[in-house]
Amino acid sequence: MKYVLIILALLTVLTVGFVGLRGQTSRQPPVMVFNDLVDQPKYKNQGESAFFADGRQMRLPPAGAVAWGRTPDKPDPGNLIDDADYYGLKVIPLPVDAALLQRGQRVFNTYCAVCHGGFGTGNGVATNYGMSAPANYHTDRLRQVTDGYLYQVITEGKGLMGAYGPSIKPPDRWAAVAYVRALQRAGNAKIDDVPQNLRGELEKQP
């Protein structure tokens, strides 16, 4: 048993000496049995490439390609659908109808409900795993802020909330804002908010 431990110790020293430790500086590239994708073959900006005839790594998009955030009928950069179209707006610039609210519900349930909860009360499932106090949309402060403020927070993030601008397209962000407004109104609704022909069933409730 004694000799086995000595042999294991020697093998460990030899292995560490040969492979090295992560974070160790050296003029030579490290020897990694499992590199965990640390070293990846890739092209870098302004780099050279022997594969292409012009020797450049950076390539122009293929003819007819449509960049993310643009539409096929408006492919030119001047018609990019981005935040510049909505910058500084205080109210939702899209028709608020059933279709927009349904779209907003899908966006909200996909990106927002995990933290803010299905009804926007700040009790999403993430709070069970250490997320601290996501915003409750039903507070007086958030009921009084402008639509543009909610859009900006979705875009840029706030506090512990990250920015969702890269993940959610601008029209979908406005749809989410419209749905948040619907949740706020539902959470503070009065009987007068209900159409007359639908009040009968509600008035029967205890």
N, C-alpha and C. Protein backbone atom coordinates (compact mmCIF):
# COMPACT_ATOMS: atom_id res chain seq x y z
N MET A 1 0.83 -1.20 0.00
CA MET A 1 0.00 0.00 0.00
C MET A 1 0.87 1.26 0.00
N LYS A 2 1.98 1.18 0.76
CA LYS A 2 2.89 2.31 0.85
C LYS A 2 3.44 2.67 -0.52
N TYR A 3 3.84 1.65 -1.27
CA TYR A 3 4.42 1.91 -2.59
C TYR A 3 3.38 2.45 -3.57
N VAL A 4 2.15 1.98 -3.42
CA VAL A 4 1.07 2.47 -4.29
C VAL A 4 0.87 3.96 -4.09
N LEU A 5 0.87 4.42 -2.81
CA LEU A 5 0.70 5.85 -2.52
C LEU A 5 1.86 6.67 -3.07
N ILE A 6 3.07 6.12 -2.94
CA ILE A 6 4.24 6.84 -3.47
C ILE A 6 4.15 6.98 -4.99
N ILE A 7 3.75 5.88 -5.65
CA ILE A 7 3.62 5.92 -7.11
C ILE A 7 2.55 6.92 -7.53
N LEU A 8 1.40 6.95 -6.81
CA LEU A 8 0.33 7.89 -7.13
C LEU A 8 0.80 9.33 -6.94
N ALA A 9 1.57 9.55 -5.86
CA ALA A 9 2.07 10.91 -5.60
C ALA A 9 3.01 11.36 -6.72
N LEU A 10 3.91 10.46 -7.15
CA LEU A 10 4.83 10.79 -8.23
C LEU A 10 4.10 11.06 -9.54
N LEU A 11 3.09 10.23 -9.81
CA LEU A 11 2.30 10.44 -11.03
C LEU A 11 1.57 11.79 -11.00
N THR A 12 1.07 12.17 -9.83
CA THR A 12 0.39 13.45 -9.70
C THR A 12 1.33 14.61 -9.96
N VAL A 13 2.53 14.53 -9.37
CA VAL A 13 3.53 15.59 -9.57
C VAL A 13 3.93 15.68 -11.03
N LEU A 14 4.17 14.53 -11.65
CA LEU A 14 4.56 14.52 -13.06
C LEU A 14 3.44 15.08 -13.95
N THR A 15 2.20 14.69 -13.64
CA THR A 15 1.07 15.17 -14.44
C THR A 15 0.92 16.68 -14.34
N VAL A 16 0.97 17.20 -13.10
CA VAL A 16 0.85 18.65 -12.90
C VAL A 16 2.02 19.38 -13.55
N GLY A 17 3.21 18.82 -13.41
CA GLY A 17 4.36 19.46 -14.01
C GLY A 17 4.31 19.47 -15.53
N PHE A 18 3.73 18.43 -16.10
CA PHE A 18 3.64 18.35 -17.55
C PHE A 18 2.50 19.19 -18.11
N VAL A 19 1.33 19.09 -17.50
CA VAL A 19 0.14 19.77 -18.00
C VAL A 19 0.11 21.22 -17.54
N GLY A 20 0.54 21.50 -16.32
CA GLY A 20 0.47 22.85 -15.78
C GLY A 20 -0.87 23.11 -15.12
N LEU A 21 -1.00 24.27 -14.52
CA LEU A 21 -2.21 24.65 -13.80
C LEU A 21 -2.93 25.74 -14.59
N ARG A 22 -4.26 25.72 -14.54
CA ARG A 22 -5.05 26.77 -15.19
C ARG A 22 -4.71 28.11 -14.55
N GLY A 23 -4.44 29.11 -15.35
CA GLY A 23 -4.07 30.42 -14.83
C GLY A 23 -2.58 30.65 -14.79
N GLN A 24 -1.81 29.58 -14.95
CA GLN A 24 -0.35 29.70 -14.94
C GLN A 24 0.12 30.38 -16.22
N THR A 25 1.04 31.31 -16.10
CA THR A 25 1.56 32.02 -17.27
C THR A 25 2.74 31.26 -17.86
N SER A 26 2.84 31.31 -19.18
CA SER A 26 3.92 30.61 -19.87
C SER A 26 4.04 31.17 -21.27
N ARG A 27 5.22 31.07 -21.85
CA ARG A 27 5.42 31.48 -23.22
C ARG A 27 4.91 30.43 -24.20
N GLN A 28 4.67 29.23 -23.71
CA GLN A 28 4.19 28.14 -24.54
C GLN A 28 2.70 27.89 -24.28
N PRO A 29 1.96 27.47 -25.32
CA PRO A 29 0.53 27.16 -25.08
C PRO A 29 0.41 25.97 -24.14
N PRO A 30 -0.58 25.98 -23.26
CA PRO A 30 -0.73 24.88 -22.30
C PRO A 30 -1.16 23.60 -22.98
N VAL A 31 -0.81 22.49 -22.36
CA VAL A 31 -1.27 21.19 -22.83
C VAL A 31 -2.55 20.87 -22.06
N MET A 32 -3.67 20.79 -22.79
CA MET A 32 -4.95 20.55 -22.13
C MET A 32 -5.58 19.30 -22.71
N VAL A 33 -5.85 18.34 -21.84
CA VAL A 33 -6.53 17.12 -22.28
C VAL A 33 -7.98 17.43 -22.61
N PHE A 34 -8.64 18.18 -21.72
CA PHE A 34 -10.01 18.64 -21.93
C PHE A 34 -9.98 20.17 -21.91
N ASN A 35 -10.11 20.78 -23.07
CA ASN A 35 -9.92 22.23 -23.12
C ASN A 35 -11.17 23.04 -22.83
N ASP A 36 -12.33 22.37 -22.64
CA ASP A 36 -13.57 23.07 -22.29
C ASP A 36 -13.86 24.22 -23.24
N LEU A 37 -13.53 24.05 -24.50
CA LEU A 37 -13.77 25.06 -25.54
C LEU A 37 -13.01 26.35 -25.29
N VAL A 38 -11.91 26.28 -24.50
CA VAL A 38 -11.11 27.48 -24.27
C VAL A 38 -10.45 27.91 -25.57
N ASP A 39 -9.98 26.96 -26.34
CA ASP A 39 -9.30 27.25 -27.60
C ASP A 39 -10.22 26.86 -28.74
N GLN A 40 -10.73 27.85 -29.47
CA GLN A 40 -11.67 27.60 -30.55
C GLN A 40 -11.14 28.16 -31.86
N PRO A 41 -11.25 27.41 -32.93
CA PRO A 41 -10.89 27.97 -34.25
C PRO A 41 -11.94 28.99 -34.66
N LYS A 42 -11.54 30.20 -34.92
CA LYS A 42 -12.50 31.24 -35.29
C LYS A 42 -11.77 32.36 -36.02
N TYR A 43 -12.55 33.15 -36.74
CA TYR A 43 -12.05 34.34 -37.40
C TYR A 43 -12.22 35.53 -36.47
N LYS A 44 -11.26 36.46 -36.52
CA LYS A 44 -11.33 37.67 -35.72
C LYS A 44 -11.35 38.88 -36.63
N ASN A 45 -11.88 40.00 -36.08
CA ASN A 45 -11.96 41.23 -36.87
C ASN A 45 -10.58 41.63 -37.40
N GLN A 46 -10.57 42.07 -38.63
CA GLN A 46 -9.35 42.57 -39.29
C GLN A 46 -8.28 41.51 -39.46
N GLY A 47 -8.62 40.25 -39.28
CA GLY A 47 -7.63 39.19 -39.41
C GLY A 47 -7.45 38.75 -40.86
N GLU A 48 -6.45 37.93 -41.10
CA GLU A 48 -6.15 37.43 -42.44
C GLU A 48 -6.63 35.99 -42.58
N SER A 49 -6.91 35.61 -43.81
CA SER A 49 -7.35 34.25 -44.08
C SER A 49 -6.79 33.79 -45.40
N ALA A 50 -6.19 32.62 -45.39
CA ALA A 50 -5.68 32.05 -46.63
C ALA A 50 -6.77 31.36 -47.43
N PHE A 51 -7.94 31.22 -46.83
CA PHE A 51 -9.04 30.52 -47.50
C PHE A 51 -9.64 31.36 -48.62
N PHE A 52 -9.78 32.70 -48.36
CA PHE A 52 -10.41 33.58 -49.34
C PHE A 52 -9.36 34.22 -50.25
N ALA A 53 -9.75 34.45 -51.48
CA ALA A 53 -8.81 34.97 -52.48
C ALA A 53 -8.27 36.33 -52.11
N ASP A 54 -9.08 37.17 -51.44
CA ASP A 54 -8.61 38.51 -51.09
C ASP A 54 -7.84 38.54 -49.78
N GLY A 55 -7.73 37.37 -49.10
CA GLY A 55 -6.94 37.28 -47.89
C GLY A 55 -7.59 37.87 -46.65
N ARG A 56 -8.86 38.28 -46.73
CA ARG A 56 -9.52 38.90 -45.58
C ARG A 56 -10.44 37.91 -44.87
N GLN A 57 -10.48 38.02 -43.54
CA GLN A 57 -11.42 37.20 -42.78
C GLN A 57 -12.82 37.81 -42.79
N MET A 58 -12.91 39.14 -42.68
CA MET A 58 -14.22 39.79 -42.61
C MET A 58 -14.87 39.76 -44.00
N ARG A 59 -16.15 39.34 -44.05
CA ARG A 59 -16.84 39.17 -45.32
C ARG A 59 -18.08 40.05 -45.38
N LEU A 60 -18.44 40.46 -46.56
CA LEU A 60 -19.70 41.17 -46.76
C LEU A 60 -20.86 40.17 -46.73
N PRO A 61 -22.05 40.59 -46.29
CA PRO A 61 -23.20 39.68 -46.28
C PRO A 61 -23.54 39.23 -47.70
N PRO A 62 -24.07 38.03 -47.86
CA PRO A 62 -24.48 37.57 -49.20
C PRO A 62 -25.57 38.47 -49.76
N ALA A 63 -25.66 38.56 -51.05
CA ALA A 63 -26.70 39.38 -51.69
C ALA A 63 -28.08 38.89 -51.29
N GLY A 64 -28.93 39.82 -50.90
CA GLY A 64 -30.30 39.46 -50.53
C GLY A 64 -30.48 39.09 -49.08
N ALA A 65 -29.39 39.09 -48.28
CA ALA A 65 -29.52 38.74 -46.87
C ALA A 65 -30.29 39.84 -46.13
N VAL A 66 -31.12 39.43 -45.17
CA VAL A 66 -31.91 40.37 -44.38
C VAL A 66 -31.42 40.30 -42.95
N ALA A 67 -30.93 41.40 -42.44
CA ALA A 67 -30.39 41.42 -41.07
C ALA A 67 -31.50 41.29 -40.05
N TRP A 68 -31.15 40.83 -38.86
CA TRP A 68 -32.12 40.71 -37.77
C TRP A 68 -32.67 42.10 -37.46
N GLY A 69 -33.99 42.19 -37.28
CA GLY A 69 -34.61 43.47 -36.97
C GLY A 69 -35.09 44.22 -38.18
N ARG A 70 -34.84 43.69 -39.38
CA ARG A 70 -35.34 44.33 -40.59
C ARG A 70 -36.40 43.45 -41.23
N THR A 71 -37.13 44.00 -42.15
CA THR A 71 -38.14 43.22 -42.86
C THR A 71 -37.72 43.06 -44.31
N PRO A 72 -38.13 41.98 -44.96
CA PRO A 72 -37.70 41.76 -46.35
C PRO A 72 -38.09 42.90 -47.28
N ASP A 73 -39.22 43.59 -47.00
CA ASP A 73 -39.63 44.66 -47.88
C ASP A 73 -38.90 45.97 -47.58
N LYS A 74 -38.16 46.02 -46.45
CA LYS A 74 -37.40 47.21 -46.10
C LYS A 74 -36.00 46.80 -45.64
N PRO A 75 -35.19 46.27 -46.56
CA PRO A 75 -33.90 45.73 -46.14
C PRO A 75 -32.80 46.76 -45.96
N ASP A 76 -33.04 48.03 -46.39
CA ASP A 76 -31.96 48.99 -46.34
C ASP A 76 -31.77 49.53 -44.93
N PRO A 77 -30.54 49.91 -44.55
CA PRO A 77 -30.25 50.36 -43.18
C PRO A 77 -31.11 51.54 -42.75
N GLY A 78 -31.56 52.39 -43.69
CA GLY A 78 -32.37 53.53 -43.31
C GLY A 78 -33.71 53.15 -42.75
N ASN A 79 -34.14 51.92 -42.98
CA ASN A 79 -35.43 51.47 -42.48
C ASN A 79 -35.28 50.42 -41.38
N LEU A 80 -34.15 50.43 -40.72
CA LEU A 80 -33.93 49.48 -39.63
C LEU A 80 -34.98 49.69 -38.54
N ILE A 81 -35.62 48.61 -38.14
CA ILE A 81 -36.64 48.70 -37.09
C ILE A 81 -35.92 48.61 -35.76
N ASP A 82 -35.62 49.73 -35.16
CA ASP A 82 -34.89 49.70 -33.90
C ASP A 82 -35.44 50.76 -32.96
N ASP A 83 -34.74 50.99 -31.87
CA ASP A 83 -35.24 51.90 -30.86
C ASP A 83 -35.29 53.35 -31.32
N ALA A 84 -34.56 53.68 -32.40
CA ALA A 84 -34.60 55.05 -32.88
C ALA A 84 -36.01 55.43 -33.31
N ASP A 85 -36.80 54.45 -33.74
CA ASP A 85 -38.17 54.73 -34.15
C ASP A 85 -39.05 55.09 -32.97
N TYR A 86 -38.65 54.73 -31.77
CA TYR A 86 -39.49 54.90 -30.60
C TYR A 86 -38.85 55.75 -29.51
N TYR A 87 -37.66 56.26 -29.76
CA TYR A 87 -36.92 56.96 -28.73
C TYR A 87 -37.71 58.16 -28.20
N GLY A 88 -37.85 58.24 -26.90
CA GLY A 88 -38.47 59.39 -26.27
C GLY A 88 -39.99 59.34 -26.21
N LEU A 89 -40.62 58.31 -26.79
CA LEU A 89 -42.08 58.24 -26.74
C LEU A 89 -42.55 57.92 -25.32
N LYS A 90 -43.69 58.50 -24.92
CA LYS A 90 -44.22 58.28 -23.58
C LYS A 90 -45.44 57.36 -23.58
N VAL A 91 -46.03 57.17 -24.75
CA VAL A 91 -47.21 56.31 -24.83
C VAL A 91 -46.97 55.24 -25.89
N ILE A 92 -47.74 54.17 -25.81
CA ILE A 92 -47.61 53.06 -26.75
C ILE A 92 -47.95 53.54 -28.16
N PRO A 93 -47.04 53.41 -29.11
CA PRO A 93 -47.27 53.95 -30.46
C PRO A 93 -48.00 52.99 -31.39
N LEU A 94 -48.48 51.87 -30.89
CA LEU A 94 -49.16 50.87 -31.70
C LEU A 94 -50.63 50.79 -31.29
N PRO A 95 -51.52 50.38 -32.18
CA PRO A 95 -52.93 50.21 -31.81
C PRO A 95 -53.06 49.16 -30.71
N VAL A 96 -53.65 49.54 -29.58
CA VAL A 96 -53.81 48.60 -28.47
C VAL A 96 -55.13 47.86 -28.67
N ASP A 97 -55.04 46.67 -29.22
CA ASP A 97 -56.22 45.86 -29.47
C ASP A 97 -55.97 44.45 -28.92
N ALA A 98 -56.92 43.57 -29.16
CA ALA A 98 -56.81 42.20 -28.62
C ALA A 98 -55.58 41.49 -29.15
N ALA A 99 -55.25 41.73 -30.43
CA ALA A 99 -54.08 41.06 -31.02
C ALA A 99 -52.80 41.51 -30.33
N LEU A 100 -52.67 42.82 -30.05
CA LEU A 100 -51.46 43.32 -29.38
C LEU A 100 -51.36 42.77 -27.97
N LEU A 101 -52.49 42.70 -27.27
CA LEU A 101 -52.48 42.18 -25.90
C LEU A 101 -52.12 40.69 -25.88
N GLN A 102 -52.63 39.93 -26.82
CA GLN A 102 -52.27 38.51 -26.89
C GLN A 102 -50.78 38.34 -27.19
N ARG A 103 -50.28 39.19 -28.08
CA ARG A 103 -48.84 39.17 -28.38
C ARG A 103 -48.04 39.54 -27.14
N GLY A 104 -48.50 40.57 -26.43
CA GLY A 104 -47.83 40.99 -25.20
C GLY A 104 -47.86 39.92 -24.13
N GLN A 105 -48.95 39.19 -24.05
CA GLN A 105 -49.04 38.11 -23.07
C GLN A 105 -48.00 37.03 -23.35
N ARG A 106 -47.81 36.69 -24.64
CA ARG A 106 -46.81 35.69 -24.99
C ARG A 106 -45.41 36.17 -24.62
N VAL A 107 -45.12 37.43 -24.92
CA VAL A 107 -43.81 37.97 -24.58
C VAL A 107 -43.62 38.00 -23.07
N PHE A 108 -44.64 38.47 -22.36
CA PHE A 108 -44.55 38.57 -20.91
C PHE A 108 -44.34 37.19 -20.28
N ASN A 109 -45.11 36.22 -20.70
CA ASN A 109 -44.98 34.88 -20.11
C ASN A 109 -43.64 34.23 -20.44
N THR A 110 -43.05 34.61 -21.58
CA THR A 110 -41.76 34.05 -21.98
C THR A 110 -40.60 34.67 -21.23
N TYR A 111 -40.61 36.00 -21.10
CA TYR A 111 -39.44 36.70 -20.56
C TYR A 111 -39.64 37.28 -19.16
N CYS A 112 -40.84 37.63 -18.80
CA CYS A 112 -41.05 38.44 -17.59
C CYS A 112 -41.62 37.66 -16.41
N ALA A 113 -42.53 36.72 -16.70
CA ALA A 113 -43.26 36.06 -15.62
C ALA A 113 -42.36 35.28 -14.68
N VAL A 114 -41.23 34.78 -15.18
CA VAL A 114 -40.35 33.97 -14.33
C VAL A 114 -39.88 34.76 -13.11
N CYS A 115 -39.76 36.08 -13.23
CA CYS A 115 -39.37 36.92 -12.09
C CYS A 115 -40.55 37.67 -11.51
N HIS A 116 -41.34 38.31 -12.39
CA HIS A 116 -42.41 39.20 -11.92
C HIS A 116 -43.71 38.46 -11.61
N GLY A 117 -43.80 37.19 -11.96
CA GLY A 117 -45.01 36.43 -11.69
C GLY A 117 -46.04 36.60 -12.79
N GLY A 118 -46.95 35.64 -12.89
CA GLY A 118 -47.94 35.65 -13.95
C GLY A 118 -48.87 36.84 -13.91
N PHE A 119 -49.09 37.42 -12.73
CA PHE A 119 -49.97 38.58 -12.60
C PHE A 119 -49.19 39.87 -12.35
N GLY A 120 -47.85 39.78 -12.42
CA GLY A 120 -47.03 40.98 -12.27
C GLY A 120 -46.89 41.45 -10.84
N THR A 121 -47.09 40.56 -9.88
CA THR A 121 -47.02 40.96 -8.48
C THR A 121 -45.63 40.76 -7.86
N GLY A 122 -44.65 40.35 -8.66
CA GLY A 122 -43.28 40.23 -8.17
C GLY A 122 -42.99 38.93 -7.45
N ASN A 123 -43.80 37.90 -7.68
CA ASN A 123 -43.60 36.63 -6.98
C ASN A 123 -43.36 35.48 -7.95
N GLY A 124 -42.57 35.74 -8.99
CA GLY A 124 -42.28 34.69 -9.96
C GLY A 124 -41.48 33.55 -9.37
N VAL A 125 -41.37 32.46 -10.14
CA VAL A 125 -40.70 31.26 -9.64
C VAL A 125 -39.24 31.53 -9.30
N ALA A 126 -38.62 32.54 -9.92
CA ALA A 126 -37.22 32.84 -9.63
C ALA A 126 -37.02 33.28 -8.19
N THR A 127 -38.07 33.80 -7.55
CA THR A 127 -37.94 34.21 -6.14
C THR A 127 -37.74 33.02 -5.22
N ASN A 128 -38.08 31.82 -5.70
CA ASN A 128 -37.85 30.62 -4.89
C ASN A 128 -36.40 30.17 -4.93
N TYR A 129 -35.59 30.80 -5.79
CA TYR A 129 -34.20 30.40 -5.96
C TYR A 129 -33.24 31.56 -5.72
N GLY A 130 -33.64 32.49 -4.86
CA GLY A 130 -32.72 33.54 -4.45
C GLY A 130 -32.92 34.89 -5.11
N MET A 131 -33.78 34.99 -6.11
CA MET A 131 -34.04 36.29 -6.73
C MET A 131 -34.71 37.21 -5.71
N SER A 132 -34.13 38.39 -5.51
CA SER A 132 -34.64 39.28 -4.46
C SER A 132 -35.60 40.32 -5.02
N ALA A 133 -36.82 40.27 -4.58
CA ALA A 133 -37.85 41.30 -4.76
C ALA A 133 -37.93 41.90 -6.15
N PRO A 134 -38.34 41.13 -7.18
CA PRO A 134 -38.63 41.76 -8.47
C PRO A 134 -39.76 42.77 -8.32
N ALA A 135 -39.83 43.71 -9.23
CA ALA A 135 -40.82 44.78 -9.12
C ALA A 135 -42.24 44.23 -9.16
N ASN A 136 -43.09 44.82 -8.33
CA ASN A 136 -44.53 44.54 -8.33
C ASN A 136 -45.19 45.64 -9.15
N TYR A 137 -45.78 45.29 -10.29
CA TYR A 137 -46.34 46.29 -11.19
C TYR A 137 -47.58 46.99 -10.62
N HIS A 138 -48.09 46.48 -9.51
CA HIS A 138 -49.34 47.03 -8.98
C HIS A 138 -49.12 48.08 -7.90
N THR A 139 -47.89 48.52 -7.73
CA THR A 139 -47.63 49.62 -6.80
C THR A 139 -48.07 50.93 -7.44
N ASP A 140 -48.35 51.92 -6.59
CA ASP A 140 -48.79 53.22 -7.11
C ASP A 140 -47.74 53.82 -8.05
N ARG A 141 -46.47 53.68 -7.71
CA ARG A 141 -45.42 54.28 -8.53
C ARG A 141 -45.43 53.73 -9.94
N LEU A 142 -45.51 52.40 -10.08
CA LEU A 142 -45.44 51.81 -11.40
C LEU A 142 -46.75 51.93 -12.17
N ARG A 143 -47.86 52.17 -11.48
CA ARG A 143 -49.10 52.45 -12.19
C ARG A 143 -49.08 53.85 -12.79
N GLN A 144 -48.26 54.73 -12.20
CA GLN A 144 -48.25 56.13 -12.63
C GLN A 144 -47.14 56.46 -13.63
N VAL A 145 -46.15 55.57 -13.79
CA VAL A 145 -45.07 55.87 -14.74
C VAL A 145 -45.62 55.81 -16.16
N THR A 146 -44.90 56.42 -17.10
CA THR A 146 -45.33 56.42 -18.49
C THR A 146 -45.07 55.07 -19.15
N ASP A 147 -45.75 54.84 -20.25
CA ASP A 147 -45.49 53.63 -21.03
C ASP A 147 -44.04 53.60 -21.50
N GLY A 148 -43.53 54.78 -21.87
CA GLY A 148 -42.15 54.86 -22.34
C GLY A 148 -41.15 54.46 -21.29
N TYR A 149 -41.46 54.74 -20.02
CA TYR A 149 -40.57 54.33 -18.93
C TYR A 149 -40.48 52.81 -18.87
N LEU A 150 -41.63 52.13 -18.94
CA LEU A 150 -41.62 50.67 -18.90
C LEU A 150 -40.86 50.10 -20.10
N TYR A 151 -41.05 50.72 -21.25
CA TYR A 151 -40.32 50.29 -22.46
C TYR A 151 -38.82 50.44 -22.26
N GLN A 152 -38.41 51.54 -21.66
CA GLN A 152 -36.98 51.80 -21.45
C GLN A 152 -36.38 50.79 -20.48
N VAL A 153 -37.13 50.45 -19.42
CA VAL A 153 -36.62 49.48 -18.45
C VAL A 153 -36.47 48.11 -19.11
N ILE A 154 -37.44 47.73 -19.94
CA ILE A 154 -37.32 46.45 -20.66
C ILE A 154 -36.08 46.48 -21.55
N THR A 155 -35.85 47.61 -22.20
CA THR A 155 -34.75 47.73 -23.15
C THR A 155 -33.39 47.73 -22.48
N GLU A 156 -33.24 48.54 -21.43
CA GLU A 156 -31.93 48.79 -20.82
C GLU A 156 -31.73 48.06 -19.50
N GLY A 157 -32.80 47.52 -18.91
CA GLY A 157 -32.69 46.91 -17.60
C GLY A 157 -32.69 47.96 -16.50
N LYS A 158 -32.80 47.50 -15.27
CA LYS A 158 -32.77 48.40 -14.12
C LYS A 158 -32.47 47.58 -12.87
N GLY A 159 -31.54 48.06 -12.03
CA GLY A 159 -31.18 47.32 -10.82
C GLY A 159 -30.63 45.95 -11.18
N LEU A 160 -31.22 44.91 -10.60
CA LEU A 160 -30.77 43.54 -10.86
C LEU A 160 -31.31 42.98 -12.17
N MET A 161 -32.25 43.69 -12.77
CA MET A 161 -32.84 43.21 -14.03
C MET A 161 -31.93 43.55 -15.19
N GLY A 162 -31.61 42.55 -15.99
CA GLY A 162 -30.77 42.77 -17.15
C GLY A 162 -31.52 43.41 -18.30
N ALA A 163 -30.80 43.84 -19.31
CA ALA A 163 -31.39 44.47 -20.50
C ALA A 163 -31.96 43.40 -21.42
N TYR A 164 -33.21 43.60 -21.85
CA TYR A 164 -33.83 42.67 -22.78
C TYR A 164 -33.91 43.25 -24.19
N GLY A 165 -33.27 44.41 -24.40
CA GLY A 165 -33.26 44.99 -25.73
C GLY A 165 -32.70 44.06 -26.79
N PRO A 166 -31.60 43.35 -26.50
CA PRO A 166 -31.05 42.45 -27.53
C PRO A 166 -31.92 41.22 -27.79
N SER A 167 -32.83 40.91 -26.87
CA SER A 167 -33.61 39.67 -26.98
C SER A 167 -35.02 39.89 -27.50
N ILE A 168 -35.61 41.05 -27.23
CA ILE A 168 -37.00 41.31 -27.58
C ILE A 168 -37.05 42.47 -28.58
N LYS A 169 -37.65 42.26 -29.72
CA LYS A 169 -37.75 43.31 -30.72
C LYS A 169 -38.62 44.46 -30.21
N PRO A 170 -38.36 45.68 -30.69
CA PRO A 170 -39.10 46.85 -30.19
C PRO A 170 -40.61 46.70 -30.20
N PRO A 171 -41.25 46.26 -31.31
CA PRO A 171 -42.71 46.13 -31.26
C PRO A 171 -43.19 45.15 -30.19
N ASP A 172 -42.41 44.10 -29.95
CA ASP A 172 -42.79 43.13 -28.92
C ASP A 172 -42.62 43.72 -27.52
N ARG A 173 -41.66 44.63 -27.35
CA ARG A 173 -41.53 45.31 -26.06
C ARG A 173 -42.75 46.17 -25.78
N TRP A 174 -43.23 46.87 -26.81
CA TRP A 174 -44.44 47.67 -26.63
C TRP A 174 -45.63 46.78 -26.34
N ALA A 175 -45.69 45.62 -26.97
CA ALA A 175 -46.78 44.69 -26.70
C ALA A 175 -46.74 44.24 -25.24
N ALA A 176 -45.53 43.98 -24.72
CA ALA A 176 -45.40 43.60 -23.31
C ALA A 176 -45.85 44.73 -22.40
N VAL A 177 -45.52 45.98 -22.77
CA VAL A 177 -45.96 47.13 -21.98
C VAL A 177 -47.48 47.19 -21.95
N ALA A 178 -48.12 46.97 -23.11
CA ALA A 178 -49.58 46.99 -23.16
C ALA A 178 -50.17 45.92 -22.26
N TYR A 179 -49.54 44.75 -22.24
CA TYR A 179 -50.06 43.68 -21.39
C TYR A 179 -49.87 44.00 -19.92
N VAL A 180 -48.74 44.63 -19.57
CA VAL A 180 -48.53 45.05 -18.18
C VAL A 180 -49.61 46.04 -17.77
N ARG A 181 -49.96 46.96 -18.67
CA ARG A 181 -51.02 47.92 -18.37
C ARG A 181 -52.35 47.19 -18.15
N ALA A 182 -52.60 46.15 -18.94
CA ALA A 182 -53.83 45.36 -18.76
C ALA A 182 -53.84 44.67 -17.40
N LEU A 183 -52.67 44.12 -16.99
CA LEU A 183 -52.58 43.50 -15.67
C LEU A 183 -52.83 44.52 -14.56
N GLN A 184 -52.27 45.71 -14.72
CA GLN A 184 -52.45 46.75 -13.71
C GLN A 184 -53.91 47.15 -13.60
N ARG A 185 -54.55 47.29 -14.74
CA ARG A 185 -55.96 47.68 -14.71
C ARG A 185 -56.81 46.57 -14.11
N ALA A 186 -56.51 45.32 -14.46
CA ALA A 186 -57.27 44.20 -13.90
C ALA A 186 -57.07 44.10 -12.40
N GLY A 187 -55.86 44.41 -11.92
CA GLY A 187 -55.59 44.32 -10.49
C GLY A 187 -56.21 45.43 -9.68
N ASN A 188 -56.66 46.48 -10.35
CA ASN A 188 -57.27 47.61 -9.65
C ASN A 188 -58.63 47.95 -10.26
N ALA A 189 -59.28 46.91 -10.78
CA ALA A 189 -60.52 47.13 -11.53
C ALA A 189 -61.70 47.39 -10.60
N LYS A 190 -62.70 48.09 -11.14
CA LYS A 190 -63.97 48.36 -10.46
C LYS A 190 -65.09 47.87 -11.36
N ILE A 191 -66.25 47.73 -10.79
CA ILE A 191 -67.37 47.20 -11.55
C ILE A 191 -67.69 48.09 -12.75
N ASP A 192 -67.43 49.39 -12.62
CA ASP A 192 -67.72 50.31 -13.73
C ASP A 192 -66.82 50.06 -14.93
N ASP A 193 -65.70 49.34 -14.74
CA ASP A 193 -64.80 49.03 -15.84
C ASP A 193 -65.33 47.89 -16.71
N VAL A 194 -66.34 47.17 -16.21
CA VAL A 194 -66.88 46.01 -16.91
C VAL A 194 -68.07 46.44 -17.76
N PRO A 195 -68.13 46.03 -19.04
CA PRO A 195 -69.29 46.36 -19.87
C PRO A 195 -70.59 45.93 -19.21
N GLN A 196 -71.63 46.70 -19.44
CA GLN A 196 -72.91 46.46 -18.77
C GLN A 196 -73.43 45.05 -18.99
N ASN A 197 -73.27 44.55 -20.21
CA ASN A 197 -73.83 43.23 -20.52
C ASN A 197 -73.05 42.08 -19.88
N LEU A 198 -71.91 42.38 -19.27
CA LEU A 198 -71.11 41.32 -18.62
C LEU A 198 -71.12 41.42 -17.10
N ARG A 199 -71.81 42.39 -16.56
CA ARG A 199 -71.76 42.61 -15.12
C ARG A 199 -72.60 41.60 -14.33
N GLY A 200 -73.59 41.01 -14.98
CA GLY A 200 -74.50 40.14 -14.25
C GLY A 200 -73.79 38.99 -13.55
N GLU A 201 -72.90 38.31 -14.26
CA GLU A 201 -72.19 37.17 -13.67
C GLU A 201 -71.29 37.61 -12.53
N LEU A 202 -70.65 38.78 -12.69
CA LEU A 202 -69.75 39.26 -11.63
C LEU A 202 -70.52 39.66 -10.38
N GLU A 203 -71.68 40.26 -10.57
CA GLU A 203 -72.46 40.71 -9.42
C GLU A 203 -73.02 39.55 -8.61
N LYS A 204 -73.06 38.35 -9.24
CA LYS A 204 -73.52 37.17 -8.52
C LYS A 204 -72.45 36.59 -7.61
N GLN A 205 -71.19 37.01 -7.85
CA GLN A 205 -70.08 36.47 -7.06
C GLN A 205 -70.17 37.02 -5.64
N PRO A 206 -69.82 36.19 -4.63
CA PRO A 206 -69.86 36.66 -3.24
C PRO A 206 -68.79 37.71 -2.98
